[in-house]
Amino acid sequence: MWRLVCLVIGYAFGLLQTGYIIGRINGIDIRSVGSKNAGTTNTLRSLGAKAGAITLVGDAFKCIFAIVICRLIFKNSQADCLLLVSLYAGLGAMLGHNFPFYLKFKGGKGIACTAGLILSFGLVPTLIGIVVFFSTFFITHYVSLGSLILYTVMMILTVICGQMGLLGLSGAMLYEAYIIVFIMMVMAFIRHKDNIKRLVEGTERKTYIKKKGEIGEM
């Protein structure tokens, strides 16, 4: 039952579509311009660095808030598996972000939500995530590739840490954590299927950070 509660709470927070709201404030439906996606990257490219930064922070923190609330609710009854509580809340937030019912299930791709999930796990995972994403981005200038590599590394590190006993879970609960992270990774790859196709074809757009925070593309 607690799993469902965490998913529902996460989904409710995920429905707060920061990019869509910022777009409406600027007089557009962000899903009708650029890549027609309601996430950070399209907001960044369509409305500029400030709007992109606000969207990133908003989408990351809605996931963090969902996780914090679920952990507070279940800190006593599920004290031995709070990591799972966090993962279910994070998964719910990604589902709400990617598939908001009131926007005909057309949302973002969940990367900013993932950033919030990683932030909620502390400094070391956050630093690893920053290094993985930005090293990939600054070498290739592909936001999508950085995101997909981040998910892949997150899956690998989850299994490594789990097998080393660093996650505080064992038995069925440990494999349950693996499954949740795997679902997140698969969902990210599915949401990026068009990006993957363009990467293979060599037609994916590159993003460059210019002086004074301007965004350029090729």
N, C-alpha and C. Protein backbone atom coordinates (compact mmCIF):
# COMPACT_ATOMS: atom_id res chain seq x y z
N MET A 1 0.83 -1.20 0.00
CA MET A 1 0.00 0.00 0.00
C MET A 1 0.87 1.27 0.00
N TRP A 2 1.95 1.25 0.79
CA TRP A 2 2.81 2.44 0.87
C TRP A 2 3.47 2.74 -0.47
N ARG A 3 3.70 1.71 -1.25
CA ARG A 3 4.29 1.91 -2.57
C ARG A 3 3.35 2.73 -3.44
N LEU A 4 2.08 2.37 -3.44
CA LEU A 4 1.08 3.10 -4.22
C LEU A 4 0.94 4.54 -3.75
N VAL A 5 0.96 4.73 -2.44
CA VAL A 5 0.86 6.08 -1.88
C VAL A 5 2.02 6.94 -2.36
N CYS A 6 3.22 6.39 -2.33
CA CYS A 6 4.40 7.13 -2.79
C CYS A 6 4.30 7.47 -4.27
N LEU A 7 3.82 6.52 -5.07
CA LEU A 7 3.66 6.77 -6.49
C LEU A 7 2.65 7.89 -6.75
N VAL A 8 1.54 7.86 -6.00
CA VAL A 8 0.48 8.87 -6.18
C VAL A 8 0.97 10.25 -5.75
N ILE A 9 1.65 10.32 -4.61
CA ILE A 9 2.19 11.61 -4.15
C ILE A 9 3.21 12.14 -5.16
N GLY A 10 4.09 11.26 -5.63
CA GLY A 10 5.07 11.66 -6.61
C GLY A 10 4.40 12.14 -7.89
N TYR A 11 3.40 11.41 -8.35
CA TYR A 11 2.71 11.79 -9.58
C TYR A 11 2.06 13.17 -9.43
N ALA A 12 1.45 13.42 -8.27
CA ALA A 12 0.80 14.71 -8.04
C ALA A 12 1.80 15.86 -8.13
N PHE A 13 2.98 15.68 -7.56
CA PHE A 13 4.01 16.72 -7.65
C PHE A 13 4.54 16.83 -9.08
N GLY A 14 4.64 15.70 -9.76
CA GLY A 14 5.13 15.71 -11.13
C GLY A 14 4.23 16.49 -12.08
N LEU A 15 2.97 16.64 -11.71
CA LEU A 15 2.02 17.37 -12.57
C LEU A 15 2.32 18.86 -12.63
N LEU A 16 3.15 19.36 -11.72
CA LEU A 16 3.52 20.78 -11.74
C LEU A 16 4.51 21.01 -12.87
N GLN A 17 4.01 21.33 -14.05
CA GLN A 17 4.81 21.43 -15.26
C GLN A 17 5.45 22.82 -15.35
N THR A 18 6.67 22.93 -14.84
CA THR A 18 7.34 24.23 -14.78
C THR A 18 7.51 24.85 -16.17
N GLY A 19 7.98 24.05 -17.13
CA GLY A 19 8.20 24.56 -18.48
C GLY A 19 6.92 25.05 -19.12
N TYR A 20 5.85 24.30 -18.93
CA TYR A 20 4.54 24.69 -19.48
C TYR A 20 4.07 26.01 -18.87
N ILE A 21 4.25 26.13 -17.54
CA ILE A 21 3.84 27.36 -16.84
C ILE A 21 4.66 28.56 -17.32
N ILE A 22 5.98 28.37 -17.41
CA ILE A 22 6.86 29.45 -17.89
C ILE A 22 6.47 29.85 -19.31
N GLY A 23 6.16 28.86 -20.13
CA GLY A 23 5.75 29.14 -21.49
C GLY A 23 4.47 29.97 -21.54
N ARG A 24 3.50 29.60 -20.73
CA ARG A 24 2.24 30.34 -20.70
C ARG A 24 2.45 31.77 -20.22
N ILE A 25 3.34 31.94 -19.27
CA ILE A 25 3.65 33.29 -18.79
C ILE A 25 4.21 34.13 -19.93
N ASN A 26 4.95 33.46 -20.83
CA ASN A 26 5.54 34.16 -21.97
C ASN A 26 4.65 34.12 -23.21
N GLY A 27 3.42 33.67 -23.03
CA GLY A 27 2.45 33.72 -24.11
C GLY A 27 2.51 32.60 -25.12
N ILE A 28 3.17 31.49 -24.79
CA ILE A 28 3.23 30.37 -25.72
C ILE A 28 2.95 29.06 -25.00
N ASP A 29 2.57 28.06 -25.77
CA ASP A 29 2.51 26.69 -25.28
C ASP A 29 3.84 26.07 -25.66
N ILE A 30 4.69 25.79 -24.68
CA ILE A 30 6.04 25.31 -24.94
C ILE A 30 6.02 24.02 -25.76
N ARG A 31 4.90 23.31 -25.72
CA ARG A 31 4.78 22.05 -26.46
C ARG A 31 4.47 22.26 -27.94
N SER A 32 4.32 23.51 -28.34
CA SER A 32 4.03 23.81 -29.74
C SER A 32 5.24 24.42 -30.47
N VAL A 33 6.35 24.57 -29.77
CA VAL A 33 7.54 25.17 -30.38
C VAL A 33 8.74 24.25 -30.18
N GLY A 34 9.78 24.48 -30.97
CA GLY A 34 11.01 23.69 -30.83
C GLY A 34 10.78 22.21 -30.99
N SER A 35 11.22 21.45 -29.99
CA SER A 35 11.05 19.99 -30.02
C SER A 35 9.66 19.57 -29.54
N LYS A 36 8.83 20.57 -29.18
CA LYS A 36 7.45 20.32 -28.70
C LYS A 36 7.44 19.49 -27.42
N ASN A 37 8.46 19.70 -26.60
CA ASN A 37 8.58 18.99 -25.33
C ASN A 37 8.47 20.01 -24.20
N ALA A 38 7.89 19.60 -23.08
CA ALA A 38 7.65 20.54 -21.98
C ALA A 38 8.78 20.56 -20.95
N GLY A 39 9.93 20.01 -21.31
CA GLY A 39 11.02 19.92 -20.36
C GLY A 39 12.01 21.07 -20.42
N THR A 40 13.10 20.90 -19.69
CA THR A 40 14.11 21.95 -19.53
C THR A 40 14.79 22.32 -20.84
N THR A 41 15.22 21.32 -21.61
CA THR A 41 16.01 21.61 -22.81
C THR A 41 15.23 22.44 -23.82
N ASN A 42 13.98 22.07 -24.07
CA ASN A 42 13.19 22.83 -25.03
C ASN A 42 12.87 24.23 -24.52
N THR A 43 12.64 24.36 -23.22
CA THR A 43 12.41 25.68 -22.64
C THR A 43 13.67 26.53 -22.75
N LEU A 44 14.81 25.92 -22.52
CA LEU A 44 16.10 26.60 -22.65
C LEU A 44 16.30 27.12 -24.06
N ARG A 45 16.06 26.26 -25.04
CA ARG A 45 16.28 26.64 -26.43
C ARG A 45 15.24 27.64 -26.93
N SER A 46 14.01 27.51 -26.45
CA SER A 46 12.92 28.34 -26.97
C SER A 46 12.78 29.68 -26.27
N LEU A 47 13.09 29.72 -24.96
CA LEU A 47 12.85 30.94 -24.19
C LEU A 47 14.11 31.51 -23.54
N GLY A 48 15.24 30.82 -23.67
CA GLY A 48 16.48 31.36 -23.14
C GLY A 48 16.95 30.72 -21.85
N ALA A 49 18.15 31.13 -21.45
CA ALA A 49 18.82 30.51 -20.30
C ALA A 49 18.07 30.70 -18.99
N LYS A 50 17.50 31.88 -18.76
CA LYS A 50 16.80 32.14 -17.51
C LYS A 50 15.59 31.23 -17.36
N ALA A 51 14.79 31.15 -18.43
CA ALA A 51 13.61 30.28 -18.40
C ALA A 51 14.02 28.83 -18.24
N GLY A 52 15.10 28.43 -18.91
CA GLY A 52 15.58 27.07 -18.80
C GLY A 52 16.04 26.74 -17.39
N ALA A 53 16.74 27.69 -16.75
CA ALA A 53 17.23 27.47 -15.38
C ALA A 53 16.06 27.34 -14.41
N ILE A 54 15.05 28.20 -14.57
CA ILE A 54 13.87 28.14 -13.70
C ILE A 54 13.16 26.80 -13.86
N THR A 55 13.06 26.35 -15.09
CA THR A 55 12.41 25.06 -15.36
C THR A 55 13.19 23.91 -14.74
N LEU A 56 14.51 23.95 -14.89
CA LEU A 56 15.35 22.91 -14.30
C LEU A 56 15.17 22.84 -12.79
N VAL A 57 15.25 23.99 -12.14
CA VAL A 57 15.12 24.04 -10.67
C VAL A 57 13.72 23.59 -10.24
N GLY A 58 12.71 24.11 -10.93
CA GLY A 58 11.34 23.76 -10.57
C GLY A 58 11.06 22.28 -10.72
N ASP A 59 11.49 21.70 -11.82
CA ASP A 59 11.24 20.27 -12.06
C ASP A 59 12.07 19.38 -11.16
N ALA A 60 13.27 19.83 -10.80
CA ALA A 60 14.09 19.04 -9.89
C ALA A 60 13.50 19.06 -8.48
N PHE A 61 13.09 20.23 -8.04
CA PHE A 61 12.62 20.34 -6.66
C PHE A 61 11.24 19.76 -6.43
N LYS A 62 10.43 19.65 -7.49
CA LYS A 62 9.14 19.00 -7.28
C LYS A 62 9.35 17.51 -6.96
N CYS A 63 10.41 16.94 -7.53
CA CYS A 63 10.75 15.55 -7.21
C CYS A 63 11.30 15.46 -5.79
N ILE A 64 12.15 16.41 -5.42
CA ILE A 64 12.71 16.43 -4.07
C ILE A 64 11.61 16.58 -3.02
N PHE A 65 10.67 17.49 -3.26
CA PHE A 65 9.57 17.70 -2.32
C PHE A 65 8.74 16.43 -2.16
N ALA A 66 8.47 15.75 -3.26
CA ALA A 66 7.70 14.50 -3.19
C ALA A 66 8.42 13.47 -2.34
N ILE A 67 9.73 13.37 -2.53
CA ILE A 67 10.54 12.41 -1.77
C ILE A 67 10.56 12.76 -0.29
N VAL A 68 10.75 14.04 0.02
CA VAL A 68 10.80 14.48 1.41
C VAL A 68 9.48 14.18 2.11
N ILE A 69 8.37 14.49 1.47
CA ILE A 69 7.07 14.24 2.08
C ILE A 69 6.84 12.76 2.32
N CYS A 70 7.18 11.93 1.34
CA CYS A 70 7.00 10.48 1.50
C CYS A 70 7.90 9.93 2.61
N ARG A 71 9.10 10.44 2.69
CA ARG A 71 10.00 9.98 3.75
C ARG A 71 9.48 10.39 5.13
N LEU A 72 8.90 11.57 5.23
CA LEU A 72 8.33 12.01 6.50
C LEU A 72 7.13 11.16 6.89
N ILE A 73 6.31 10.81 5.91
CA ILE A 73 5.12 10.00 6.18
C ILE A 73 5.49 8.60 6.64
N PHE A 74 6.51 8.02 6.00
CA PHE A 74 6.83 6.61 6.24
C PHE A 74 8.14 6.39 7.01
N LYS A 75 8.64 7.45 7.64
CA LYS A 75 9.93 7.33 8.33
C LYS A 75 9.90 6.33 9.48
N ASN A 76 8.74 6.11 10.05
CA ASN A 76 8.64 5.15 11.16
C ASN A 76 8.17 3.78 10.69
N SER A 77 7.13 3.76 9.86
CA SER A 77 6.57 2.47 9.43
C SER A 77 7.45 1.74 8.42
N GLN A 78 8.24 2.48 7.66
CA GLN A 78 9.12 1.87 6.66
C GLN A 78 10.56 2.30 6.86
N ALA A 79 10.98 2.36 8.10
CA ALA A 79 12.30 2.88 8.44
C ALA A 79 13.43 2.05 7.81
N ASP A 80 13.17 0.77 7.55
CA ASP A 80 14.21 -0.11 7.01
C ASP A 80 14.31 -0.05 5.49
N CYS A 81 13.42 0.70 4.85
CA CYS A 81 13.48 0.75 3.38
C CYS A 81 13.14 2.14 2.86
N LEU A 82 13.68 3.16 3.50
CA LEU A 82 13.41 4.53 3.07
C LEU A 82 13.98 4.81 1.68
N LEU A 83 15.01 4.06 1.30
CA LEU A 83 15.52 4.22 -0.06
C LEU A 83 14.44 3.86 -1.08
N LEU A 84 13.72 2.77 -0.81
CA LEU A 84 12.64 2.38 -1.71
C LEU A 84 11.52 3.42 -1.71
N VAL A 85 11.25 3.98 -0.55
CA VAL A 85 10.24 5.05 -0.45
C VAL A 85 10.64 6.19 -1.38
N SER A 86 11.90 6.56 -1.34
CA SER A 86 12.39 7.65 -2.19
C SER A 86 12.29 7.28 -3.66
N LEU A 87 12.65 6.06 -4.00
CA LEU A 87 12.61 5.64 -5.39
C LEU A 87 11.20 5.62 -5.95
N TYR A 88 10.25 5.14 -5.16
CA TYR A 88 8.86 5.12 -5.62
C TYR A 88 8.32 6.54 -5.78
N ALA A 89 8.66 7.42 -4.84
CA ALA A 89 8.22 8.82 -4.95
C ALA A 89 8.85 9.47 -6.19
N GLY A 90 10.13 9.20 -6.41
CA GLY A 90 10.82 9.74 -7.58
C GLY A 90 10.23 9.21 -8.88
N LEU A 91 9.92 7.91 -8.92
CA LEU A 91 9.31 7.32 -10.10
C LEU A 91 7.95 7.95 -10.37
N GLY A 92 7.17 8.17 -9.30
CA GLY A 92 5.87 8.81 -9.45
C GLY A 92 6.00 10.22 -10.02
N ALA A 93 6.99 10.97 -9.53
CA ALA A 93 7.21 12.34 -10.02
C ALA A 93 7.58 12.33 -11.50
N MET A 94 8.41 11.36 -11.91
CA MET A 94 8.77 11.26 -13.32
C MET A 94 7.57 10.92 -14.19
N LEU A 95 6.71 10.03 -13.69
CA LEU A 95 5.51 9.67 -14.44
C LEU A 95 4.58 10.87 -14.59
N GLY A 96 4.44 11.64 -13.50
CA GLY A 96 3.60 12.83 -13.56
C GLY A 96 4.17 13.88 -14.48
N HIS A 97 5.50 14.00 -14.48
CA HIS A 97 6.17 14.97 -15.35
C HIS A 97 6.08 14.56 -16.81
N ASN A 98 6.31 13.30 -17.08
CA ASN A 98 6.32 12.80 -18.45
C ASN A 98 4.91 12.66 -19.03
N PHE A 99 3.96 12.28 -18.18
CA PHE A 99 2.61 11.97 -18.66
C PHE A 99 1.54 12.68 -17.83
N PRO A 100 1.49 14.02 -17.87
CA PRO A 100 0.47 14.76 -17.11
C PRO A 100 -0.90 14.58 -17.76
N PHE A 101 -1.86 14.08 -17.00
CA PHE A 101 -3.17 13.76 -17.57
C PHE A 101 -3.87 14.99 -18.13
N TYR A 102 -3.68 16.17 -17.50
CA TYR A 102 -4.39 17.36 -17.91
C TYR A 102 -3.77 18.03 -19.15
N LEU A 103 -2.62 17.52 -19.59
CA LEU A 103 -2.00 18.00 -20.82
C LEU A 103 -1.98 16.89 -21.87
N LYS A 104 -2.98 16.01 -21.77
CA LYS A 104 -3.12 14.89 -22.71
C LYS A 104 -1.87 14.01 -22.71
N PHE A 105 -1.27 13.89 -21.50
CA PHE A 105 -0.13 13.01 -21.27
C PHE A 105 1.11 13.41 -22.09
N LYS A 106 1.19 14.69 -22.46
CA LYS A 106 2.34 15.20 -23.20
C LYS A 106 3.16 16.13 -22.31
N GLY A 107 4.16 15.58 -21.64
CA GLY A 107 4.98 16.36 -20.74
C GLY A 107 6.43 16.40 -21.17
N GLY A 108 7.34 16.26 -20.20
CA GLY A 108 8.76 16.29 -20.48
C GLY A 108 9.35 14.90 -20.61
N LYS A 109 10.66 14.81 -20.39
CA LYS A 109 11.35 13.53 -20.51
C LYS A 109 11.92 13.04 -19.18
N GLY A 110 11.73 13.81 -18.12
CA GLY A 110 12.07 13.34 -16.78
C GLY A 110 13.50 13.54 -16.33
N ILE A 111 14.33 14.23 -17.11
CA ILE A 111 15.73 14.36 -16.76
C ILE A 111 15.91 15.29 -15.55
N ALA A 112 15.20 16.42 -15.54
CA ALA A 112 15.31 17.34 -14.40
C ALA A 112 14.78 16.67 -13.13
N CYS A 113 13.72 15.87 -13.27
CA CYS A 113 13.22 15.11 -12.11
C CYS A 113 14.29 14.15 -11.60
N THR A 114 15.00 13.55 -12.52
CA THR A 114 16.08 12.64 -12.14
C THR A 114 17.17 13.39 -11.38
N ALA A 115 17.44 14.62 -11.82
CA ALA A 115 18.43 15.44 -11.10
C ALA A 115 17.98 15.65 -9.66
N GLY A 116 16.68 15.88 -9.47
CA GLY A 116 16.14 16.03 -8.12
C GLY A 116 16.28 14.76 -7.31
N LEU A 117 16.03 13.63 -7.95
CA LEU A 117 16.18 12.34 -7.27
C LEU A 117 17.62 12.15 -6.81
N ILE A 118 18.56 12.43 -7.69
CA ILE A 118 19.98 12.27 -7.35
C ILE A 118 20.37 13.23 -6.23
N LEU A 119 19.91 14.49 -6.30
CA LEU A 119 20.19 15.47 -5.25
C LEU A 119 19.70 14.99 -3.89
N SER A 120 18.55 14.31 -3.87
CA SER A 120 17.97 13.87 -2.60
C SER A 120 18.81 12.80 -1.92
N PHE A 121 19.72 12.17 -2.68
CA PHE A 121 20.55 11.11 -2.12
C PHE A 121 21.87 11.61 -1.55
N GLY A 122 22.13 12.93 -1.65
CA GLY A 122 23.29 13.48 -0.98
C GLY A 122 24.37 13.99 -1.90
N LEU A 123 25.47 14.40 -1.30
CA LEU A 123 26.54 15.09 -2.01
C LEU A 123 27.28 14.20 -3.02
N VAL A 124 27.69 13.02 -2.60
CA VAL A 124 28.50 12.16 -3.47
C VAL A 124 27.75 11.77 -4.75
N PRO A 125 26.50 11.26 -4.65
CA PRO A 125 25.76 10.96 -5.88
C PRO A 125 25.57 12.19 -6.76
N THR A 126 25.34 13.35 -6.13
CA THR A 126 25.15 14.59 -6.88
C THR A 126 26.41 14.95 -7.65
N LEU A 127 27.57 14.88 -7.00
CA LEU A 127 28.83 15.20 -7.67
C LEU A 127 29.11 14.24 -8.82
N ILE A 128 28.83 12.96 -8.61
CA ILE A 128 29.02 11.98 -9.67
C ILE A 128 28.12 12.31 -10.86
N GLY A 129 26.85 12.63 -10.56
CA GLY A 129 25.91 12.98 -11.62
C GLY A 129 26.34 14.21 -12.40
N ILE A 130 26.84 15.22 -11.69
CA ILE A 130 27.31 16.46 -12.34
C ILE A 130 28.49 16.15 -13.26
N VAL A 131 29.44 15.38 -12.77
CA VAL A 131 30.63 15.05 -13.57
C VAL A 131 30.24 14.26 -14.81
N VAL A 132 29.37 13.25 -14.64
CA VAL A 132 28.97 12.40 -15.76
C VAL A 132 28.25 13.20 -16.83
N PHE A 133 27.25 13.99 -16.41
CA PHE A 133 26.45 14.72 -17.39
C PHE A 133 27.26 15.80 -18.09
N PHE A 134 27.92 16.65 -17.29
CA PHE A 134 28.58 17.81 -17.90
C PHE A 134 29.85 17.45 -18.65
N SER A 135 30.54 16.39 -18.24
CA SER A 135 31.70 15.97 -19.03
C SER A 135 31.25 15.49 -20.40
N THR A 136 30.14 14.74 -20.44
CA THR A 136 29.59 14.29 -21.72
C THR A 136 29.11 15.48 -22.55
N PHE A 137 28.41 16.40 -21.89
CA PHE A 137 27.85 17.55 -22.60
C PHE A 137 28.94 18.44 -23.19
N PHE A 138 29.95 18.77 -22.40
CA PHE A 138 30.99 19.69 -22.90
C PHE A 138 31.90 19.04 -23.93
N ILE A 139 31.96 17.71 -23.94
CA ILE A 139 32.75 17.02 -24.97
C ILE A 139 31.96 16.91 -26.27
N THR A 140 30.66 16.58 -26.16
CA THR A 140 29.86 16.31 -27.37
C THR A 140 28.86 17.42 -27.71
N HIS A 141 28.46 18.21 -26.70
CA HIS A 141 27.43 19.24 -26.84
C HIS A 141 26.06 18.66 -27.14
N TYR A 142 25.87 17.39 -26.79
CA TYR A 142 24.56 16.76 -26.92
C TYR A 142 23.94 16.62 -25.54
N VAL A 143 22.86 17.36 -25.29
CA VAL A 143 22.16 17.25 -24.01
C VAL A 143 21.56 15.85 -23.85
N SER A 144 20.99 15.35 -24.93
CA SER A 144 20.34 14.04 -24.88
C SER A 144 21.33 12.93 -24.54
N LEU A 145 22.50 12.98 -25.14
CA LEU A 145 23.50 11.94 -24.88
C LEU A 145 23.97 12.00 -23.44
N GLY A 146 24.19 13.21 -22.92
CA GLY A 146 24.57 13.35 -21.52
C GLY A 146 23.53 12.77 -20.59
N SER A 147 22.25 12.99 -20.93
CA SER A 147 21.15 12.48 -20.11
C SER A 147 21.11 10.95 -20.12
N LEU A 148 21.26 10.38 -21.30
CA LEU A 148 21.19 8.92 -21.42
C LEU A 148 22.37 8.24 -20.75
N ILE A 149 23.55 8.82 -20.87
CA ILE A 149 24.73 8.26 -20.20
C ILE A 149 24.56 8.37 -18.68
N LEU A 150 23.98 9.48 -18.23
CA LEU A 150 23.72 9.65 -16.80
C LEU A 150 22.83 8.53 -16.28
N TYR A 151 21.77 8.22 -17.00
CA TYR A 151 20.87 7.13 -16.58
C TYR A 151 21.58 5.79 -16.57
N THR A 152 22.40 5.56 -17.58
CA THR A 152 23.12 4.29 -17.65
C THR A 152 24.08 4.14 -16.48
N VAL A 153 24.82 5.20 -16.18
CA VAL A 153 25.74 5.18 -15.05
C VAL A 153 24.98 5.01 -13.74
N MET A 154 23.82 5.68 -13.62
CA MET A 154 23.02 5.55 -12.41
C MET A 154 22.59 4.10 -12.19
N MET A 155 22.20 3.43 -13.26
CA MET A 155 21.81 2.02 -13.16
C MET A 155 22.99 1.15 -12.73
N ILE A 156 24.13 1.38 -13.36
CA ILE A 156 25.32 0.58 -13.05
C ILE A 156 25.76 0.79 -11.60
N LEU A 157 25.80 2.05 -11.17
CA LEU A 157 26.24 2.35 -9.81
C LEU A 157 25.25 1.84 -8.77
N THR A 158 23.96 1.85 -9.11
CA THR A 158 22.96 1.30 -8.19
C THR A 158 23.22 -0.17 -7.92
N VAL A 159 23.51 -0.91 -8.98
CA VAL A 159 23.79 -2.35 -8.83
C VAL A 159 25.09 -2.57 -8.06
N ILE A 160 26.13 -1.81 -8.41
CA ILE A 160 27.43 -1.96 -7.73
C ILE A 160 27.28 -1.67 -6.24
N CYS A 161 26.64 -0.53 -5.93
CA CYS A 161 26.48 -0.16 -4.51
C CYS A 161 25.59 -1.16 -3.78
N GLY A 162 24.58 -1.66 -4.47
CA GLY A 162 23.70 -2.65 -3.86
C GLY A 162 24.42 -3.93 -3.54
N GLN A 163 25.24 -4.39 -4.46
CA GLN A 163 25.99 -5.63 -4.24
C GLN A 163 27.06 -5.47 -3.17
N MET A 164 27.51 -4.23 -2.97
CA MET A 164 28.50 -3.96 -1.93
C MET A 164 27.85 -3.70 -0.57
N GLY A 165 26.53 -3.71 -0.53
CA GLY A 165 25.81 -3.50 0.72
C GLY A 165 25.71 -2.05 1.15
N LEU A 166 25.87 -1.11 0.19
CA LEU A 166 25.89 0.31 0.52
C LEU A 166 24.51 0.96 0.47
N LEU A 167 23.51 0.23 -0.01
CA LEU A 167 22.17 0.80 -0.13
C LEU A 167 21.29 0.55 1.09
N GLY A 168 21.76 -0.28 1.99
CA GLY A 168 20.97 -0.56 3.18
C GLY A 168 19.78 -1.47 2.91
N LEU A 169 19.80 -2.18 1.80
CA LEU A 169 18.72 -3.09 1.43
C LEU A 169 19.30 -4.47 1.18
N SER A 170 18.47 -5.47 1.32
CA SER A 170 18.92 -6.83 1.04
C SER A 170 17.76 -7.66 0.51
N GLY A 171 18.09 -8.80 -0.06
CA GLY A 171 17.06 -9.71 -0.52
C GLY A 171 16.16 -9.11 -1.58
N ALA A 172 14.85 -9.37 -1.45
CA ALA A 172 13.87 -8.94 -2.44
C ALA A 172 13.82 -7.42 -2.58
N MET A 173 14.01 -6.70 -1.46
CA MET A 173 13.95 -5.24 -1.51
C MET A 173 15.11 -4.66 -2.33
N LEU A 174 16.26 -5.28 -2.27
CA LEU A 174 17.40 -4.81 -3.05
C LEU A 174 17.10 -4.95 -4.54
N TYR A 175 16.55 -6.11 -4.93
CA TYR A 175 16.24 -6.31 -6.34
C TYR A 175 15.06 -5.46 -6.79
N GLU A 176 14.20 -5.12 -5.85
CA GLU A 176 13.11 -4.20 -6.15
C GLU A 176 13.67 -2.82 -6.50
N ALA A 177 14.70 -2.40 -5.77
CA ALA A 177 15.35 -1.12 -6.06
C ALA A 177 15.98 -1.15 -7.45
N TYR A 178 16.63 -2.28 -7.79
CA TYR A 178 17.22 -2.41 -9.12
C TYR A 178 16.15 -2.26 -10.20
N ILE A 179 15.01 -2.90 -9.97
CA ILE A 179 13.93 -2.88 -10.96
C ILE A 179 13.39 -1.47 -11.16
N ILE A 180 13.22 -0.72 -10.05
CA ILE A 180 12.71 0.65 -10.17
C ILE A 180 13.66 1.52 -10.97
N VAL A 181 14.95 1.45 -10.66
CA VAL A 181 15.94 2.26 -11.38
C VAL A 181 16.00 1.82 -12.85
N PHE A 182 15.86 0.52 -13.08
CA PHE A 182 15.86 0.02 -14.46
C PHE A 182 14.65 0.57 -15.22
N ILE A 183 13.50 0.61 -14.58
CA ILE A 183 12.30 1.17 -15.20
C ILE A 183 12.52 2.64 -15.55
N MET A 184 13.14 3.39 -14.63
CA MET A 184 13.45 4.80 -14.90
C MET A 184 14.35 4.93 -16.12
N MET A 185 15.37 4.09 -16.19
CA MET A 185 16.31 4.15 -17.30
C MET A 185 15.62 3.82 -18.62
N VAL A 186 14.83 2.76 -18.63
CA VAL A 186 14.12 2.36 -19.84
C VAL A 186 13.16 3.46 -20.28
N MET A 187 12.45 4.06 -19.32
CA MET A 187 11.53 5.13 -19.65
C MET A 187 12.27 6.30 -20.28
N ALA A 188 13.44 6.62 -19.76
CA ALA A 188 14.24 7.71 -20.32
C ALA A 188 14.66 7.40 -21.75
N PHE A 189 15.07 6.18 -22.01
CA PHE A 189 15.48 5.80 -23.36
C PHE A 189 14.28 5.84 -24.32
N ILE A 190 13.12 5.42 -23.85
CA ILE A 190 11.93 5.46 -24.69
C ILE A 190 11.55 6.90 -25.00
N ARG A 191 11.61 7.77 -23.98
CA ARG A 191 11.26 9.18 -24.19
C ARG A 191 12.27 9.88 -25.10
N HIS A 192 13.47 9.32 -25.18
CA HIS A 192 14.50 9.92 -26.03
C HIS A 192 14.68 9.15 -27.35
N LYS A 193 13.70 8.36 -27.73
CA LYS A 193 13.87 7.51 -28.93
C LYS A 193 14.15 8.34 -30.18
N ASP A 194 13.50 9.50 -30.31
CA ASP A 194 13.77 10.35 -31.48
C ASP A 194 15.18 10.94 -31.42
N ASN A 195 15.62 11.29 -30.20
CA ASN A 195 16.98 11.80 -30.05
C ASN A 195 18.01 10.74 -30.40
N ILE A 196 17.73 9.51 -29.97
CA ILE A 196 18.65 8.40 -30.25
C ILE A 196 18.75 8.19 -31.77
N LYS A 197 17.61 8.25 -32.44
CA LYS A 197 17.61 8.10 -33.90
C LYS A 197 18.45 9.19 -34.55
N ARG A 198 18.29 10.43 -34.08
CA ARG A 198 19.06 11.54 -34.66
C ARG A 198 20.54 11.42 -34.33
N LEU A 199 20.85 10.92 -33.12
CA LEU A 199 22.25 10.72 -32.76
C LEU A 199 22.91 9.71 -33.70
N VAL A 200 22.20 8.63 -33.99
CA VAL A 200 22.71 7.59 -34.89
C VAL A 200 22.90 8.16 -36.30
N GLU A 201 21.94 9.00 -36.71
CA GLU A 201 21.99 9.56 -38.07
C GLU A 201 22.93 10.76 -38.17
N GLY A 202 23.37 11.29 -37.01
CA GLY A 202 24.25 12.45 -37.00
C GLY A 202 23.53 13.76 -37.21
N THR A 203 22.22 13.78 -36.94
CA THR A 203 21.42 15.00 -37.15
C THR A 203 20.92 15.62 -35.84
N GLU A 204 21.34 15.07 -34.71
CA GLU A 204 20.91 15.63 -33.42
C GLU A 204 21.49 17.03 -33.24
N ARG A 205 20.66 17.95 -32.72
CA ARG A 205 21.12 19.32 -32.52
C ARG A 205 22.10 19.41 -31.37
N LYS A 206 23.14 20.20 -31.56
CA LYS A 206 24.11 20.45 -30.51
C LYS A 206 23.75 21.76 -29.81
N THR A 207 24.08 21.83 -28.54
CA THR A 207 23.81 23.03 -27.74
C THR A 207 25.12 23.57 -27.21
N TYR A 208 25.30 24.88 -27.34
CA TYR A 208 26.53 25.53 -26.89
C TYR A 208 26.18 26.64 -25.90
N ILE A 209 26.95 26.71 -24.83
CA ILE A 209 26.79 27.80 -23.87
C ILE A 209 27.76 28.91 -24.27
N LYS A 210 27.21 30.02 -24.69
CA LYS A 210 28.03 31.15 -25.12
C LYS A 210 28.28 32.10 -23.97
N LYS A 211 28.88 33.21 -24.27
CA LYS A 211 29.16 34.22 -23.26
C LYS A 211 27.85 34.79 -22.70
N LYS A 212 27.90 35.18 -21.43
CA LYS A 212 26.77 35.80 -20.74
C LYS A 212 25.54 34.89 -20.70
N GLY A 213 25.81 33.56 -20.72
CA GLY A 213 24.73 32.63 -20.55
C GLY A 213 23.84 32.45 -21.76
N GLU A 214 24.24 32.95 -22.95
CA GLU A 214 23.44 32.78 -24.13
C GLU A 214 23.53 31.33 -24.61
N ILE A 215 22.49 30.91 -25.29
CA ILE A 215 22.43 29.54 -25.78
C ILE A 215 22.54 29.54 -27.29
N GLY A 216 23.44 28.70 -27.81
CA GLY A 216 23.56 28.58 -29.26
C GLY A 216 23.33 27.15 -29.68
N GLU A 217 22.97 26.95 -30.94
CA GLU A 217 22.70 25.62 -31.45
C GLU A 217 23.37 25.42 -32.79
N MET A 218 23.59 24.14 -33.10
CA MET A 218 24.05 23.77 -34.43
C MET A 218 23.32 22.47 -34.83
